Amino acid sequence: MFRRDHGLCVQCRSKDIIQIGDVVDHIIPIRVDWSKRLEPTNLQTLCHACHNKKTKEDEKKK
């Protein structure tokens, strides 16, 4: 994922911000759909700040 996303946070890049991504995130959380855990299309590179924000949002959806 890091290579595909050029080592950058995809959320920050969508806002024209360049930020190193250091977390591989499951777009659809594995607790929601375990079968997608290894699908490259379900993985994205995020920075810690974006990953923490997304995790909090995902937890609210429980």
PDB file of N, CA and C in Angstrom:
ATOM      1  N   MET A   1       0.819  -1.192   0.000  1.00  0.00           N
ATOM      2  CA  MET A   1       0.000   0.000   0.000  1.00  0.00           C
ATOM      3  C   MET A   1       0.861   1.252   0.000  1.00  0.00           C
ATOM      4  N   PHE A   2       1.953   1.189   0.747  1.00  0.00           N
ATOM      5  CA  PHE A   2       2.809   2.368   0.811  1.00  0.00           C
ATOM      6  C   PHE A   2       3.335   2.729  -0.576  1.00  0.00           C
ATOM      7  N   ARG A   3       3.716   1.716  -1.335  1.00  0.00           N
ATOM      8  CA  ARG A   3       4.235   1.980  -2.683  1.00  0.00           C
ATOM      9  C   ARG A   3       3.128   2.552  -3.571  1.00  0.00           C
ATOM     10  N   ARG A   4       1.970   1.926  -3.545  1.00  0.00           N
ATOM     11  CA  ARG A   4       0.844   2.392  -4.364  1.00  0.00           C
ATOM     12  C   ARG A   4       0.475   3.837  -4.030  1.00  0.00           C
ATOM     13  N   ASP A   5       0.472   4.154  -2.733  1.00  0.00           N
ATOM     14  CA  ASP A   5       0.083   5.494  -2.284  1.00  0.00           C
ATOM     15  C   ASP A   5       1.277   6.440  -2.168  1.00  0.00           C
ATOM     16  N   HIS A   6       2.431   6.000  -2.675  1.00  0.00           N
ATOM     17  CA  HIS A   6       3.656   6.812  -2.690  1.00  0.00           C
ATOM     18  C   HIS A   6       4.096   7.216  -1.287  1.00  0.00           C
ATOM     19  N   GLY A   7       3.740   6.408  -0.286  1.00  0.00           N
ATOM     20  CA  GLY A   7       4.148   6.674   1.086  1.00  0.00           C
ATOM     21  C   GLY A   7       3.474   7.874   1.720  1.00  0.00           C
ATOM     22  N   LEU A   8       2.396   8.347   1.089  1.00  0.00           N
ATOM     23  CA  LEU A   8       1.709   9.547   1.578  1.00  0.00           C
ATOM     24  C   LEU A   8       0.306   9.211   2.061  1.00  0.00           C
ATOM     25  N   CYS A   9      -0.162   9.996   3.008  1.00  0.00           N
ATOM     26  CA  CYS A   9      -1.513   9.840   3.545  1.00  0.00           C
ATOM     27  C   CYS A   9      -2.530  10.208   2.464  1.00  0.00           C
ATOM     28  N   VAL A  10      -3.416   9.275   2.140  1.00  0.00           N
ATOM     29  CA  VAL A  10      -4.390   9.536   1.075  1.00  0.00           C
ATOM     30  C   VAL A  10      -5.435  10.564   1.493  1.00  0.00           C
ATOM     31  N   GLN A  11      -5.762  10.624   2.779  1.00  0.00           N
ATOM     32  CA  GLN A  11      -6.730  11.620   3.250  1.00  0.00           C
ATOM     33  C   GLN A  11      -6.143  13.023   3.146  1.00  0.00           C
ATOM     34  N   CYS A  12      -4.919  13.191   3.581  1.00  0.00           N
ATOM     35  CA  CYS A  12      -4.263  14.502   3.481  1.00  0.00           C
ATOM     36  C   CYS A  12      -4.091  14.907   2.016  1.00  0.00           C
ATOM     37  N   ARG A  13      -3.677  13.959   1.173  1.00  0.00           N
ATOM     38  CA  ARG A  13      -3.493  14.266  -0.251  1.00  0.00           C
ATOM     39  C   ARG A  13      -4.783  14.733  -0.891  1.00  0.00           C
ATOM     40  N   SER A  14      -5.923  14.208  -0.434  1.00  0.00           N
ATOM     41  CA  SER A  14      -7.207  14.625  -1.005  1.00  0.00           C
ATOM     42  C   SER A  14      -7.514  16.083  -0.672  1.00  0.00           C
ATOM     43  N   LYS A  15      -6.795  16.622   0.328  1.00  0.00           N
ATOM     44  CA  LYS A  15      -6.955  18.030   0.718  1.00  0.00           C
ATOM     45  C   LYS A  15      -5.752  18.861   0.277  1.00  0.00           C
ATOM     46  N   ASP A  16      -4.962  18.320  -0.658  1.00  0.00           N
ATOM     47  CA  ASP A  16      -3.750  18.973  -1.166  1.00  0.00           C
ATOM     48  C   ASP A  16      -2.719  19.236  -0.078  1.00  0.00           C
ATOM     49  N   ILE A  17      -2.656  18.341   0.900  1.00  0.00           N
ATOM     50  CA  ILE A  17      -1.655  18.404   1.960  1.00  0.00           C
ATOM     51  C   ILE A  17      -0.725  17.213   1.775  1.00  0.00           C
ATOM     52  N   ILE A  18       0.579  17.462   1.836  1.00  0.00           N
ATOM     53  CA  ILE A  18       1.557  16.388   1.722  1.00  0.00           C
ATOM     54  C   ILE A  18       1.958  15.970   3.132  1.00  0.00           C
ATOM     55  N   GLN A  19       1.623  14.728   3.485  1.00  0.00           N
ATOM     56  CA  GLN A  19       1.933  14.199   4.819  1.00  0.00           C
ATOM     57  C   GLN A  19       2.353  12.743   4.664  1.00  0.00           C
ATOM     58  N   ILE A  20       3.449  12.381   5.302  1.00  0.00           N
ATOM     59  CA  ILE A  20       3.915  11.001   5.262  1.00  0.00           C
ATOM     60  C   ILE A  20       2.860  10.097   5.903  1.00  0.00           C
ATOM     61  N   GLY A  21       2.557   9.013   5.221  1.00  0.00           N
ATOM     62  CA  GLY A  21       1.637   8.018   5.767  1.00  0.00           C
ATOM     63  C   GLY A  21       2.426   6.894   6.407  1.00  0.00           C
ATOM     64  N   ASP A  22       2.067   6.518   7.618  1.00  0.00           N
ATOM     65  CA  ASP A  22       2.805   5.461   8.297  1.00  0.00           C
ATOM     66  C   ASP A  22       1.900   4.384   8.895  1.00  0.00           C
ATOM     67  N   VAL A  23       0.627   4.394   8.487  1.00  0.00           N
ATOM     68  CA  VAL A  23      -0.326   3.389   8.962  1.00  0.00           C
ATOM     69  C   VAL A  23      -1.084   2.833   7.757  1.00  0.00           C
ATOM     70  N   VAL A  24      -1.191   1.509   7.679  1.00  0.00           N
ATOM     71  CA  VAL A  24      -2.058   0.901   6.669  1.00  0.00           C
ATOM     72  C   VAL A  24      -3.419   0.701   7.329  1.00  0.00           C
ATOM     73  N   ASP A  25      -4.435   1.306   6.737  1.00  0.00           N
ATOM     74  CA  ASP A  25      -5.779   1.317   7.302  1.00  0.00           C
ATOM     75  C   ASP A  25      -6.723   0.478   6.454  1.00  0.00           C
ATOM     76  N   HIS A  26      -7.648  -0.210   7.119  1.00  0.00           N
ATOM     77  CA  HIS A  26      -8.726  -0.921   6.426  1.00  0.00           C
ATOM     78  C   HIS A  26      -9.855   0.077   6.187  1.00  0.00           C
ATOM     79  N   ILE A  27     -10.180   0.330   4.945  1.00  0.00           N
ATOM     80  CA  ILE A  27     -11.255   1.268   4.605  1.00  0.00           C
ATOM     81  C   ILE A  27     -12.563   0.770   5.215  1.00  0.00           C
ATOM     82  N   ILE A  28     -12.899  -0.475   4.946  1.00  0.00           N
ATOM     83  CA  ILE A  28     -14.014  -1.134   5.630  1.00  0.00           C
ATOM     84  C   ILE A  28     -13.380  -1.909   6.779  1.00  0.00           C
ATOM     85  N   PRO A  29     -13.676  -1.538   8.017  1.00  0.00           N
ATOM     86  CA  PRO A  29     -13.030  -2.192   9.161  1.00  0.00           C
ATOM     87  C   PRO A  29     -13.193  -3.707   9.130  1.00  0.00           C
ATOM     88  N   ILE A  30     -12.179  -4.413   9.603  1.00  0.00           N
ATOM     89  CA  ILE A  30     -12.229  -5.875   9.563  1.00  0.00           C
ATOM     90  C   ILE A  30     -13.328  -6.426  10.460  1.00  0.00           C
ATOM     91  N   ARG A  31     -13.734  -5.693  11.481  1.00  0.00           N
ATOM     92  CA  ARG A  31     -14.841  -6.170  12.325  1.00  0.00           C
ATOM     93  C   ARG A  31     -16.165  -6.124  11.568  1.00  0.00           C
ATOM     94  N   VAL A  32     -16.230  -5.308  10.511  1.00  0.00           N
ATOM     95  CA  VAL A  32     -17.439  -5.209   9.689  1.00  0.00           C
ATOM     96  C   VAL A  32     -17.442  -6.288   8.610  1.00  0.00           C
ATOM     97  N   ASP A  33     -16.279  -6.504   7.976  1.00  0.00           N
ATOM     98  CA  ASP A  33     -16.193  -7.510   6.909  1.00  0.00           C
ATOM     99  C   ASP A  33     -14.797  -8.130   6.901  1.00  0.00           C
ATOM    100  N   TRP A  34     -14.656  -9.199   7.647  1.00  0.00           N
ATOM    101  CA  TRP A  34     -13.376  -9.898   7.790  1.00  0.00           C
ATOM    102  C   TRP A  34     -12.821 -10.357   6.438  1.00  0.00           C
ATOM    103  N   SER A  35     -13.684 -10.701   5.511  1.00  0.00           N
ATOM    104  CA  SER A  35     -13.235 -11.235   4.223  1.00  0.00           C
ATOM    105  C   SER A  35     -12.467 -10.204   3.399  1.00  0.00           C
ATOM    106  N   LYS A  36     -12.598  -8.930   3.708  1.00  0.00           N
ATOM    107  CA  LYS A  36     -11.913  -7.882   2.939  1.00  0.00           C
ATOM    108  C   LYS A  36     -10.588  -7.458   3.566  1.00  0.00           C
ATOM    109  N   ARG A  37     -10.151  -8.154   4.612  1.00  0.00           N
ATOM    110  CA  ARG A  37      -8.986  -7.710   5.373  1.00  0.00           C
ATOM    111  C   ARG A  37      -7.698  -7.639   4.558  1.00  0.00           C
ATOM    112  N   LEU A  38      -7.561  -8.461   3.527  1.00  0.00           N
ATOM    113  CA  LEU A  38      -6.334  -8.483   2.733  1.00  0.00           C
ATOM    114  C   LEU A  38      -6.510  -7.936   1.318  1.00  0.00           C
ATOM    115  N   GLU A  39      -7.688  -7.472   0.991  1.00  0.00           N
ATOM    116  CA  GLU A  39      -7.926  -6.939  -0.350  1.00  0.00           C
ATOM    117  C   GLU A  39      -7.228  -5.587  -0.503  1.00  0.00           C
ATOM    118  N   PRO A  40      -6.358  -5.459  -1.494  1.00  0.00           N
ATOM    119  CA  PRO A  40      -5.659  -4.189  -1.699  1.00  0.00           C
ATOM    120  C   PRO A  40      -6.604  -3.000  -1.869  1.00  0.00           C
ATOM    121  N   THR A  41      -7.776  -3.240  -2.450  1.00  0.00           N
ATOM    122  CA  THR A  41      -8.720  -2.133  -2.647  1.00  0.00           C
ATOM    123  C   THR A  41      -9.374  -1.692  -1.343  1.00  0.00           C
ATOM    124  N   ASN A  42      -9.198  -2.474  -0.278  1.00  0.00           N
ATOM    125  CA  ASN A  42      -9.749  -2.109   1.028  1.00  0.00           C
ATOM    126  C   ASN A  42      -8.675  -1.548   1.965  1.00  0.00           C
ATOM    127  N   LEU A  43      -7.491  -1.320   1.451  1.00  0.00           N
ATOM    128  CA  LEU A  43      -6.394  -0.802   2.260  1.00  0.00           C
ATOM    129  C   LEU A  43      -5.970   0.563   1.747  1.00  0.00           C
ATOM    130  N   GLN A  44      -5.586   1.429   2.693  1.00  0.00           N
ATOM    131  CA  GLN A  44      -5.105   2.759   2.326  1.00  0.00           C
ATOM    132  C   GLN A  44      -4.030   3.195   3.309  1.00  0.00           C
ATOM    133  N   THR A  45      -3.144   4.048   2.842  1.00  0.00           N
ATOM    134  CA  THR A  45      -2.096   4.604   3.684  1.00  0.00           C
ATOM    135  C   THR A  45      -2.608   5.876   4.333  1.00  0.00           C
ATOM    136  N   LEU A  46      -2.456   5.962   5.654  1.00  0.00           N
ATOM    137  CA  LEU A  46      -2.865   7.151   6.398  1.00  0.00           C
ATOM    138  C   LEU A  46      -1.753   7.590   7.341  1.00  0.00           C
ATOM    139  N   CYS A  47      -1.764   8.865   7.709  1.00  0.00           N
ATOM    140  CA  CYS A  47      -0.899   9.346   8.781  1.00  0.00           C
ATOM    141  C   CYS A  47      -1.592   9.008  10.102  1.00  0.00           C
ATOM    142  N   HIS A  48      -0.873   9.122  11.205  1.00  0.00           N
ATOM    143  CA  HIS A  48      -1.475   8.780  12.504  1.00  0.00           C
ATOM    144  C   HIS A  48      -2.692   9.637  12.811  1.00  0.00           C
ATOM    145  N   ALA A  49      -2.628  10.926  12.510  1.00  0.00           N
ATOM    146  CA  ALA A  49      -3.751  11.822  12.819  1.00  0.00           C
ATOM    147  C   ALA A  49      -5.010  11.405  12.065  1.00  0.00           C
ATOM    148  N   CYS A  50      -4.881  11.136  10.774  1.00  0.00           N
ATOM    149  CA  CYS A  50      -6.052  10.728   9.984  1.00  0.00           C
ATOM    150  C   CYS A  50      -6.545   9.350  10.413  1.00  0.00           C
ATOM    151  N   HIS A  51      -5.625   8.454  10.741  1.00  0.00           N
ATOM    152  CA  HIS A  51      -6.028   7.125  11.193  1.00  0.00           C
ATOM    153  C   HIS A  51      -6.801   7.218  12.503  1.00  0.00           C
ATOM    154  N   ASN A  52      -6.321   8.025  13.440  1.00  0.00           N
ATOM    155  CA  ASN A  52      -7.024   8.186  14.715  1.00  0.00           C
ATOM    156  C   ASN A  52      -8.412   8.780  14.506  1.00  0.00           C
ATOM    157  N   LYS A  53      -8.509   9.767  13.624  1.00  0.00           N
ATOM    158  CA  LYS A  53      -9.804  10.394  13.336  1.00  0.00           C
ATOM    159  C   LYS A  53     -10.766   9.376  12.727  1.00  0.00           C
ATOM    160  N   LYS A  54     -10.283   8.610  11.748  1.00  0.00           N
ATOM    161  CA  LYS A  54     -11.130   7.610  11.094  1.00  0.00           C
ATOM    162  C   LYS A  54     -11.556   6.528  12.080  1.00  0.00           C
ATOM    163  N   THR A  55     -10.649   6.103  12.944  1.00  0.00           N
ATOM    164  CA  THR A  55     -10.977   5.082  13.936  1.00  0.00           C
ATOM    165  C   THR A  55     -12.089   5.563  14.860  1.00  0.00           C
ATOM    166  N   LYS A  56     -12.016   6.804  15.305  1.00  0.00           N
ATOM    167  CA  LYS A  56     -13.073   7.360  16.162  1.00  0.00           C
ATOM    168  C   LYS A  56     -14.407   7.396  15.424  1.00  0.00           C
ATOM    169  N   GLU A  57     -14.378   7.792  14.147  1.00  0.00           N
ATOM    170  CA  GLU A  57     -15.608   7.831  13.346  1.00  0.00           C
ATOM    171  C   GLU A  57     -16.174   6.423  13.161  1.00  0.00           C
ATOM    172  N   ASP A  58     -15.296   5.445  12.912  1.00  0.00           N
ATOM    173  CA  ASP A  58     -15.738   4.057  12.741  1.00  0.00           C
ATOM    174  C   ASP A  58     -16.363   3.526  14.026  1.00  0.00           C
ATOM    175  N   GLU A  59     -15.793   3.883  15.176  1.00  0.00           N
ATOM    176  CA  GLU A  59     -16.322   3.403  16.455  1.00  0.00           C
ATOM    177  C   GLU A  59     -17.700   3.985  16.744  1.00  0.00           C
ATOM    178  N   LYS A  60     -17.955   5.199  16.285  1.00  0.00           N
ATOM    179  CA  LYS A  60     -19.270   5.814  16.480  1.00  0.00           C
ATOM    180  C   LYS A  60     -20.351   5.073  15.694  1.00  0.00           C
ATOM    181  N   LYS A  61     -19.955   4.408  14.607  1.00  0.00           N
ATOM    182  CA  LYS A  61     -20.902   3.700  13.745  1.00  0.00           C
ATOM    183  C   LYS A  61     -21.300   2.334  14.304  1.00  0.00           C
ATOM    184  N   LYS A  62     -20.661   1.902  15.378  1.00  0.00           N
ATOM    185  CA  LYS A  62     -20.951   0.576  15.954  1.00  0.00           C
ATOM    186  C   LYS A  62     -22.404   0.444  16.326  1.00  0.00           C
TER     187      LYS A  62
END
